[in-house]
Amino acid sequence: MKKLSVIVPIYNAESYLQNCLDTIVNQTYQNKEIILVDDGSKDSSSKICDDYCVKYSFVKCIHKKNEGVMAARNDGIDVATGDYIALSDADDALDLDMYEILIKFIEETGSDVAACSFQSEYKKKFSVIHSHKETPPVTIYQNKKDSLTAILQKPQEDCLAGFVWNKVFTRKAVGTVRFRSDVAITDDLMFTWDTFSENVNRACFINLPMYHYRYLFSSITKNSSIITQIKALNAWNNIIRDCKENNLTGCYQYLGESFIVWNLKICEKMIFWEKPNMESYLLAKNNIEKYRTYIPLLANRHKKLAKATLISWKQYRKTAIFYYEEKKMYMKLKNI
């Protein structure tokens, strides 16, 4: 049995960490090492990590100064000894046979990467499935072009997607690829894109929602700065360039829509400011203008926000505040 390395970057995750780690240490795939990268946590996460290291011989822990999730993941990859690499977030949870199923299909299909579907969990407590008896539907992507195109599809829950946590990578697939320092927030997508571009010839997707993504307002995606949001555009610009160079026309619609949405996030950071940063607003407005042909394809909320952005900051702000209050009420009902 080949060895699996599971890397978990951790920063101030005490509220959910034990739930996450229990679903990883109890995975049915037996030959594994779990590498906990404590990224300078200031809460009890460090102690929780040490407790698991004492309890389980296959759990290792790296304690380091805070450098961010990308550096933490890279540190974990650098010390991993497994034939397979998996990455989990510290506040999520996994069905207990997730890795066994993903590795089974890597080996049966000769794939370099296997991915599963996932569930976004809004409640504070949720349970995972201990085992799956059914035979899941599997899609095999036979070449690099099809695999790359499959990353950029919708809905994200039911395709390969750009996330790293719903996947198992072979050592060959990861190779020398590491998380980039020139991107932010979209680092998952950029890492996945880089591995698929450089090292993946075949991939498979198992349509079982075995990963449980915990939706938290406190995450970096929801609470990042404008500078970080602008830095996130680097990934989209890199991928758009690659798609044009390689004529991946099947990706154009997803990229156009996503690029607009990420530019709207830049504007969203300023809606309660007394004075907006007009340079950032104009950057977003100009980027949306370049892809305005995709505006009619957006979801209704994003469609109205994009149109308002092209009119004026005042019109955008009025529209954005309306949708912000609506979303806040929705999340309250979801029990966040």
Protein backbone atom coordinates (compact mmCIF):
# COMPACT_ATOMS: atom_id res chain seq x y z
CA MET A 1 0.00 0.00 0.00
CA LYS A 2 1.41 3.38 -1.04
CA LYS A 3 1.81 6.12 1.53
CA LEU A 4 -0.46 9.16 1.81
CA SER A 5 0.70 12.49 3.27
CA VAL A 6 -2.07 14.78 4.55
CA ILE A 7 -1.02 18.38 5.20
CA VAL A 8 -3.09 20.62 7.46
CA PRO A 9 -2.12 24.31 7.82
CA ILE A 10 -3.35 25.65 11.16
CA TYR A 11 -3.76 29.15 12.53
CA ASN A 12 -6.00 29.92 15.52
CA ALA A 13 -8.38 27.09 14.67
CA GLU A 14 -9.13 25.78 18.18
CA SER A 15 -12.92 25.91 17.74
CA TYR A 16 -12.99 23.34 14.94
CA LEU A 17 -9.56 21.73 14.87
CA GLN A 18 -10.33 18.61 16.87
CA ASN A 19 -13.38 17.84 14.76
CA CYS A 20 -11.25 18.18 11.64
CA LEU A 21 -8.34 16.10 12.92
CA ASP A 22 -10.59 13.32 14.16
CA THR A 23 -11.95 12.87 10.64
CA ILE A 24 -8.40 12.70 9.25
CA VAL A 25 -6.70 10.40 11.80
CA ASN A 26 -9.66 8.01 11.52
CA GLN A 27 -9.53 7.78 7.74
CA THR A 28 -9.94 4.21 6.54
CA TYR A 29 -6.83 4.52 4.37
CA GLN A 30 -4.23 2.98 6.65
CA ASN A 31 -0.77 3.93 5.35
CA LYS A 32 -0.70 7.64 6.07
CA GLU A 33 1.22 10.43 7.72
CA ILE A 34 -0.49 13.61 8.88
CA ILE A 35 1.59 16.78 8.92
CA LEU A 36 0.18 19.56 11.08
CA VAL A 37 1.73 22.95 10.30
CA ASP A 38 1.04 25.29 13.20
CA ASP A 39 1.49 28.71 11.62
CA GLY A 40 2.20 30.67 14.81
CA SER A 41 -1.21 30.13 16.43
CA LYS A 42 -1.98 32.26 19.48
CA ASP A 43 -4.82 30.13 20.81
CA SER A 44 -4.80 26.52 22.03
CA SER A 45 -4.26 25.11 18.51
CA SER A 46 -0.56 24.46 19.23
CA LYS A 47 -1.39 22.32 22.25
CA ILE A 48 -4.08 20.43 20.33
CA CYS A 49 -1.48 19.65 17.64
CA ASP A 50 1.00 18.37 20.23
CA ASP A 51 -1.68 16.23 21.87
CA TYR A 52 -2.43 14.50 18.57
CA CYS A 53 1.30 13.94 17.96
CA VAL A 54 1.57 12.17 21.31
CA LYS A 55 -1.55 10.09 20.73
CA TYR A 56 -0.86 9.03 17.13
CA SER A 57 2.56 7.91 15.88
CA PHE A 58 1.72 8.88 12.29
CA VAL A 59 0.98 12.51 13.19
CA LYS A 60 3.82 15.05 12.92
CA CYS A 61 3.79 18.71 13.81
CA ILE A 62 5.73 21.73 12.60
CA HIS A 63 5.57 24.82 14.82
CA LYS A 64 6.63 27.97 12.97
CA LYS A 65 6.26 31.73 12.97
CA ASN A 66 3.20 33.08 11.21
CA GLU A 67 3.83 33.43 7.48
CA GLY A 68 0.41 32.62 6.05
CA VAL A 69 -1.37 29.57 4.72
CA MET A 70 0.61 29.33 1.47
CA ALA A 71 3.98 29.17 3.24
CA ALA A 72 2.54 26.67 5.75
CA ARG A 73 1.33 24.39 2.97
CA ASN A 74 4.68 24.63 1.19
CA ASP A 75 6.51 23.69 4.39
CA GLY A 76 4.26 20.66 4.72
CA ILE A 77 4.81 19.57 1.13
CA ASP A 78 8.57 19.95 1.52
CA VAL A 79 8.74 17.45 4.41
CA ALA A 80 6.06 15.05 3.13
CA THR A 81 7.29 11.53 2.38
CA GLY A 82 4.12 10.08 0.85
CA ASP A 83 3.47 8.79 -2.67
CA TYR A 84 0.23 10.78 -2.50
CA ILE A 85 -0.33 14.33 -1.26
CA ALA A 86 -3.58 15.70 0.19
CA LEU A 87 -4.30 19.08 1.77
CA SER A 88 -7.11 19.81 4.21
CA ASP A 89 -8.20 23.05 5.87
CA ALA A 90 -8.23 23.02 9.67
CA ASP A 91 -11.88 24.04 10.08
CA ASP A 92 -13.44 21.50 7.72
CA ALA A 93 -14.23 17.79 7.96
CA LEU A 94 -14.01 14.69 5.78
CA ASP A 95 -16.05 11.56 5.34
CA LEU A 96 -13.95 8.81 6.87
CA ASP A 97 -13.39 6.87 3.64
CA MET A 98 -12.73 9.90 1.42
CA TYR A 99 -9.02 9.29 0.89
CA GLU A 100 -9.46 5.54 0.44
CA ILE A 101 -12.00 6.15 -2.32
CA LEU A 102 -9.96 8.84 -4.07
CA ILE A 103 -6.79 6.74 -4.06
CA LYS A 104 -8.73 3.69 -5.25
CA PHE A 105 -9.84 5.57 -8.35
CA ILE A 106 -6.40 7.08 -8.97
CA GLU A 107 -5.01 3.56 -9.13
CA GLU A 108 -7.89 2.07 -11.12
CA THR A 109 -7.95 4.82 -13.75
CA GLY A 110 -4.23 5.61 -13.93
CA SER A 111 -4.97 9.23 -12.99
CA ASP A 112 -2.52 11.77 -11.61
CA VAL A 113 -5.21 13.47 -9.50
CA ALA A 114 -8.60 12.43 -8.11
CA ALA A 115 -11.20 14.89 -6.83
CA CYS A 116 -14.57 14.53 -5.15
CA SER A 117 -17.56 16.82 -4.84
CA PHE A 118 -18.15 18.67 -1.57
CA GLN A 119 -20.80 20.23 0.65
CA SER A 120 -20.78 23.76 2.01
CA GLU A 121 -21.79 23.53 5.66
CA TYR A 122 -23.43 26.57 7.23
CA LYS A 123 -24.30 25.22 10.66
CA LYS A 124 -21.88 25.20 13.57
CA LYS A 125 -22.14 21.44 13.98
CA PHE A 126 -22.38 18.80 11.28
CA SER A 127 -21.73 15.10 10.98
CA VAL A 128 -19.69 13.14 8.48
CA ILE A 129 -20.43 9.83 6.82
CA HIS A 130 -18.42 6.86 8.06
CA SER A 131 -18.54 4.80 4.88
CA HIS A 132 -20.10 4.76 1.43
CA LYS A 133 -21.69 1.59 0.16
CA GLU A 134 -22.84 2.90 -3.20
CA THR A 135 -20.77 2.92 -6.39
CA PRO A 136 -20.18 6.58 -7.18
CA PRO A 137 -20.40 8.11 -10.66
CA VAL A 138 -16.88 8.74 -11.99
CA THR A 139 -15.75 11.00 -14.83
CA ILE A 140 -12.29 10.51 -16.33
CA TYR A 141 -10.50 13.36 -18.12
CA GLN A 142 -8.13 11.68 -20.55
CA ASN A 143 -5.78 14.53 -21.42
CA LYS A 144 -4.33 17.80 -20.17
CA LYS A 145 -6.68 20.06 -22.15
CA ASP A 146 -9.83 18.34 -20.87
CA SER A 147 -8.50 18.30 -17.31
CA LEU A 148 -7.67 22.01 -17.34
CA THR A 149 -11.06 22.87 -18.80
CA ALA A 150 -12.77 20.74 -16.14
CA ILE A 151 -11.17 22.82 -13.36
CA LEU A 152 -13.02 25.89 -14.63
CA GLN A 153 -16.60 24.66 -14.70
CA LYS A 154 -19.79 25.31 -12.72
CA PRO A 155 -21.21 24.49 -10.29
CA GLN A 156 -17.92 24.20 -8.40
CA GLU A 157 -19.34 21.58 -6.02
CA ASP A 158 -19.80 19.13 -8.88
CA CYS A 159 -16.60 19.36 -10.93
CA LEU A 160 -12.83 19.04 -10.49
CA ALA A 161 -12.71 22.69 -9.37
CA GLY A 162 -9.67 24.70 -8.34
CA PHE A 163 -9.75 23.81 -4.64
CA VAL A 164 -6.92 21.72 -3.22
CA TRP A 165 -8.82 20.20 -0.30
CA ASN A 166 -11.19 18.01 -2.37
CA LYS A 167 -8.30 16.20 -4.06
CA VAL A 168 -5.54 13.66 -3.73
CA PHE A 169 -2.47 14.39 -5.88
CA THR A 170 0.18 11.87 -6.84
CA ARG A 171 3.74 12.87 -6.00
CA LYS A 172 4.32 13.24 -9.75
CA ALA A 173 1.40 15.66 -10.06
CA VAL A 174 2.79 17.96 -7.37
CA GLY A 175 6.40 17.69 -8.52
CA THR A 176 8.21 20.97 -7.85
CA VAL A 177 5.02 23.06 -7.91
CA ARG A 178 4.45 25.13 -4.79
CA PHE A 179 1.95 27.75 -3.67
CA ARG A 180 2.89 31.11 -5.16
CA SER A 181 3.66 34.20 -3.12
CA ASP A 182 2.45 36.59 -5.84
CA VAL A 183 -1.22 35.64 -5.48
CA ALA A 184 -3.68 35.82 -2.58
CA ILE A 185 -7.01 34.16 -1.74
CA THR A 186 -6.99 32.40 -5.13
CA ASP A 187 -3.83 30.49 -4.14
CA ASP A 188 -5.74 27.17 -4.22
CA LEU A 189 -6.81 27.76 -7.80
CA MET A 190 -3.32 28.85 -8.88
CA PHE A 191 -1.67 25.79 -7.29
CA THR A 192 -4.20 23.44 -8.88
CA TRP A 193 -3.80 25.15 -12.24
CA ASP A 194 0.00 24.95 -12.04
CA THR A 195 0.02 21.25 -11.16
CA PHE A 196 -2.43 20.41 -13.95
CA SER A 197 -0.55 22.55 -16.48
CA GLU A 198 2.85 21.08 -15.67
CA ASN A 199 2.35 17.52 -14.48
CA VAL A 200 -1.20 16.18 -14.92
CA ASN A 201 -2.16 14.20 -18.01
CA ARG A 202 -5.20 12.37 -16.66
CA ALA A 203 -7.60 13.20 -13.82
CA CYS A 204 -10.80 11.75 -12.44
CA PHE A 205 -13.77 13.20 -10.60
CA ILE A 206 -15.86 11.16 -8.17
CA ASN A 207 -19.28 12.69 -7.69
CA LEU A 208 -19.66 11.98 -4.00
CA PRO A 209 -19.74 14.98 -1.60
CA MET A 210 -17.14 13.59 0.79
CA TYR A 211 -15.52 16.87 1.86
CA HIS A 212 -17.40 19.23 4.17
CA TYR A 213 -16.39 22.85 3.72
CA ARG A 214 -17.28 24.97 6.73
CA TYR A 215 -18.50 28.40 5.64
CA LEU A 216 -17.09 30.95 8.08
CA PHE A 217 -17.29 34.74 7.89
CA SER A 218 -13.98 34.90 9.74
CA SER A 219 -12.04 33.31 6.87
CA ILE A 220 -9.55 35.28 4.79
CA THR A 221 -11.79 35.02 1.73
CA LYS A 222 -14.55 36.96 3.47
CA ASN A 223 -12.43 39.43 5.45
CA SER A 224 -9.47 40.23 3.22
CA SER A 225 -8.25 43.74 2.45
CA ILE A 226 -8.55 45.59 -0.85
CA ILE A 227 -4.82 45.06 -1.45
CA THR A 228 -5.31 41.32 -0.95
CA GLN A 229 -8.32 41.28 -3.28
CA ILE A 230 -6.30 43.07 -5.97
CA LYS A 231 -3.49 40.56 -5.48
CA ALA A 232 -6.03 37.79 -6.04
CA LEU A 233 -6.49 39.06 -9.59
CA ASN A 234 -2.96 37.87 -10.41
CA ALA A 235 -4.20 34.29 -10.53
CA TRP A 236 -7.06 35.15 -12.86
CA ASN A 237 -4.76 37.15 -15.14
CA ASN A 238 -2.27 34.26 -15.28
CA ILE A 239 -4.95 31.71 -16.07
CA ILE A 240 -6.68 33.92 -18.65
CA ARG A 241 -3.31 34.34 -20.40
CA ASP A 242 -2.66 30.57 -20.35
CA CYS A 243 -6.11 29.81 -21.73
CA LYS A 244 -5.66 32.24 -24.61
CA GLU A 245 -2.19 30.91 -25.41
CA ASN A 246 -3.45 27.31 -25.43
CA ASN A 247 -6.82 28.08 -27.06
CA LEU A 248 -8.83 26.65 -24.16
CA THR A 249 -12.06 28.19 -25.42
CA GLY A 250 -14.17 26.04 -23.10
CA CYS A 251 -12.85 28.08 -20.17
CA TYR A 252 -13.64 31.55 -21.49
CA GLN A 253 -17.15 31.94 -20.07
CA TYR A 254 -16.20 30.79 -16.57
CA LEU A 255 -13.13 33.02 -16.56
CA GLY A 256 -15.08 36.06 -17.79
CA GLU A 257 -17.78 35.66 -15.18
CA SER A 258 -15.32 34.93 -12.36
CA PHE A 259 -13.08 37.85 -13.24
CA ILE A 260 -16.06 40.21 -13.02
CA VAL A 261 -17.11 38.79 -9.64
CA TRP A 262 -13.61 39.16 -8.16
CA ASN A 263 -13.48 42.77 -9.30
CA LEU A 264 -16.83 43.35 -7.61
CA LYS A 265 -15.25 42.06 -4.38
CA ILE A 266 -12.72 44.90 -4.57
CA CYS A 267 -15.53 47.44 -4.62
CA GLU A 268 -17.44 45.62 -1.88
CA LYS A 269 -14.65 46.34 0.61
CA MET A 270 -15.43 50.07 0.41
CA ILE A 271 -19.20 50.27 0.65
CA PHE A 272 -19.18 51.46 4.28
CA TRP A 273 -16.21 53.77 3.91
CA GLU A 274 -16.81 57.50 4.17
CA LYS A 275 -14.68 58.02 1.07
CA PRO A 276 -13.88 55.20 -1.39
CA ASN A 277 -10.45 54.57 -2.85
CA MET A 278 -11.24 55.78 -6.34
CA GLU A 279 -8.09 54.26 -7.82
CA SER A 280 -9.27 50.80 -6.73
CA TYR A 281 -12.81 51.49 -7.90
CA LEU A 282 -11.61 52.61 -11.35
CA LEU A 283 -9.37 49.53 -11.62
CA ALA A 284 -12.36 47.28 -10.95
CA LYS A 285 -14.62 49.30 -13.24
CA ASN A 286 -12.14 49.11 -16.13
CA ASN A 287 -11.65 45.36 -15.63
CA ILE A 288 -15.40 44.79 -15.67
CA GLU A 289 -15.70 46.93 -18.77
CA LYS A 290 -13.24 44.62 -20.59
CA TYR A 291 -15.51 41.64 -19.89
CA ARG A 292 -18.89 43.31 -20.03
CA THR A 293 -20.12 40.82 -22.67
CA TYR A 294 -20.28 38.24 -19.84
CA ILE A 295 -22.46 40.40 -17.57
CA PRO A 296 -25.77 38.98 -18.93
CA LEU A 297 -24.59 35.48 -17.98
CA LEU A 298 -24.05 36.32 -14.31
CA ALA A 299 -26.39 35.49 -11.44
CA ASN A 300 -28.97 38.24 -10.92
CA ARG A 301 -27.19 39.86 -7.95
CA HIS A 302 -23.81 40.05 -9.69
CA LYS A 303 -25.44 41.18 -12.90
CA LYS A 304 -27.04 44.18 -11.19
CA LEU A 305 -23.88 45.00 -9.26
CA ALA A 306 -21.73 44.89 -12.40
CA LYS A 307 -24.10 47.14 -14.30
CA ALA A 308 -24.21 49.58 -11.39
CA THR A 309 -20.40 49.62 -11.21
CA LEU A 310 -20.21 50.74 -14.83
CA ILE A 311 -22.61 53.64 -14.12
CA SER A 312 -20.98 55.23 -11.06
CA TRP A 313 -19.60 54.58 -7.60
CA LYS A 314 -22.76 56.08 -6.08
CA GLN A 315 -25.01 53.70 -8.00
CA TYR A 316 -22.79 50.71 -7.20
CA ARG A 317 -22.71 51.54 -3.48
CA LYS A 318 -26.49 51.88 -3.25
CA THR A 319 -26.99 48.51 -4.97
CA ALA A 320 -24.24 46.79 -2.97
CA ILE A 321 -25.60 47.87 0.42
CA PHE A 322 -29.02 46.50 -0.49
CA TYR A 323 -27.55 43.09 -1.33
CA TYR A 324 -25.23 43.16 1.68
CA GLU A 325 -28.16 43.54 4.07
CA GLU A 326 -30.07 40.84 2.21
CA LYS A 327 -27.13 38.41 2.48
CA LYS A 328 -26.63 39.21 6.18
CA MET A 329 -30.22 38.25 6.86
CA TYR A 330 -29.84 35.07 4.80
CA MET A 331 -26.74 34.02 6.74
CA LYS A 332 -28.49 34.70 10.03
CA LEU A 333 -31.23 32.32 8.97
CA LYS A 334 -28.55 29.79 8.04
CA ASN A 335 -27.43 29.85 11.68
CA ILE A 336 -23.94 31.26 11.16
